[in-house]
Amino acid sequence: MFYTWLLLLSTFIATSGREYLKQGRKLYWQTDDPNQGPNNGHPEQIHLSYLNDTAVIVTWLTFDDVGDSFVIYHQEGGESKFKRLANVTHFGGGLLKIDRYVHRVVMTNLTPGSYYVYYVGSEHGWSHEFRFRALKERPEGGHRYGIYGDLGVLNARALGRVEDDVRNEELDMIFHVGDFAYDLHTLDGRIGDKFFHQIEPVTAKVPYMVCPGNHEYIGNFSHYMHRFTMPNTEHNLFYSFDHGKVHFVSITTEIYYNMYLLTDTKQNFIDDVQRGQLQTQWNWLVADLKKANANRHNVPWIIVMGHRPMYCSTKSIIAECRSKTVRTRVGINGEFQLEKLLYENGVDMEIFGHEHSYERMYPLYNYVVYDYVKNPYYDPPAPVHIITGSAGCIEGGKEFTKTAPKFTAYRSKDYGFSRLHVINATHLTWEQVRAHDGVVEDSFTLIKPKHGKFDYNQLMKSGTSIVNDQLG
């Protein structure tokens, strides 16, 4: 199965990632009888994703081929309506052979800060109307984001708080850093369908940006790749975009792991197919970070998101992030070392999920912790790592080691989600919100008077080296 998964993934990335159905195609149900039509043409599971400040992607699903489908939208209070034709892809399979048709279209020529009303569908069924605001810098400065990982259909403890924030226009965009629904493919995708219904009050109003987790790899990431529509990619496995003062980068950590293994381990077996996948993402990431660094005078912050963390203090048999040999950090046989690459490119913050907990680290690199100063978050010589994987799922939360490692600034096993406010080119604030009472249980401000290459000498001078191999 491992080899099949990698081979399929290789093929998927090498090609477009999606096969679009031809416009004007002959539909299987079409006859000379005008009373014939699709069995289930109603649109559902509507969600937005960001393209740029004047364009938003809307994606939805039907369980039958309806032919031409559209989004119809207009500026709130305006008279002119715009109608855009969708592109359609198909995926199916499973024991029940459920066919799903995914519709994608870009709403263009948006005026930043204006509100828009839209609905989607075809002559065989239309959604009700939704309302969203084209993104614009807030009066208080910058933009606000909601961030979390590991949110399921069952026990989705933080979802209500996120919905409240979206309804009150406290968030401009959501980032979900892996593990959806538990799982998108379960029951031939019916759990995935329920998940998209469940999050629609959020996703139909603000862009919902994603990265893949370990629960998405089944079936060649098929449900993940087909259901979402991220910018600048056809497969959603890795991509980047600029928003405001931030260059956001989303990567997949799953290609670092042999799916037969439950732990990170010291087994460094890698075949040519897996190497190809690692090399593909690596080459893209190197080029992307180089381009981002050349543009830091315009977009100074670089924030990278993935699923599996490099550091943690979770008490678990498979908590590979407690080991100094975690693959996403040190690579495989010395190759594809993510931590080193991100450090050398001056990445300001690295955000992960996977562990069903919240943990904020002091700035650190290669187990050297920057903590011997009054304010370690002022112009730190290393990135800040954060785990925000406590949104809630059927697997429950995780326990921590009895003693917190020196790199941990704050940790919590309460369900919750995170808020990020990028205020300007030099300041951002972070909050962790508890699900059960809405209290902000942790917060900090990261101040960067300048961005770019880190001062390694300063890190070694004012940092603490952690020497024990297995932490906590």
Foldseek 3Di string as FASTA:
>chain_A
DLVVLLVVLLVCQVDAVFDWDDAPDDFPQDDPDPPTADPKFAKDLWFWADAALFKIKIKIKIQGCHHWKWKWKDFVVDDDIDIDTWIWTWDFDDPVGGIMIMTMDMDGRHDAQTKMKMWIGDPVYIDDIDMEGRHDADPLFFFKEWEFEAAALPFLLALVVLLVCLVVVVHQEYEYAEHYHLHCCPPNRPSVRSRSNVNVSPRRYHHYAYEYDPRQSPPSSSSVQPRDDYYPGNRSQWDWDDDAQEIETEHEPPLLDRVVDLAQDPDQDDDPSSVVVLVVVLVVVLVVLVVCLVCCVGRVAYEYGHAQDCADQFDDPHNNNLFLVRCQQQNGPNPSHNLVSCQQSQHAEYEYENAQWKWKFQFDGSQWHQDQDPDSLEQHLGHIYIYRHNSTDPVAHTHGDPDDDPGTPDIGRAHWIKMWGDRHSFKIKIFTAGSPPRDGPDMDMHGHPHTTHGDVVVSVVRIDHDDDRRHD
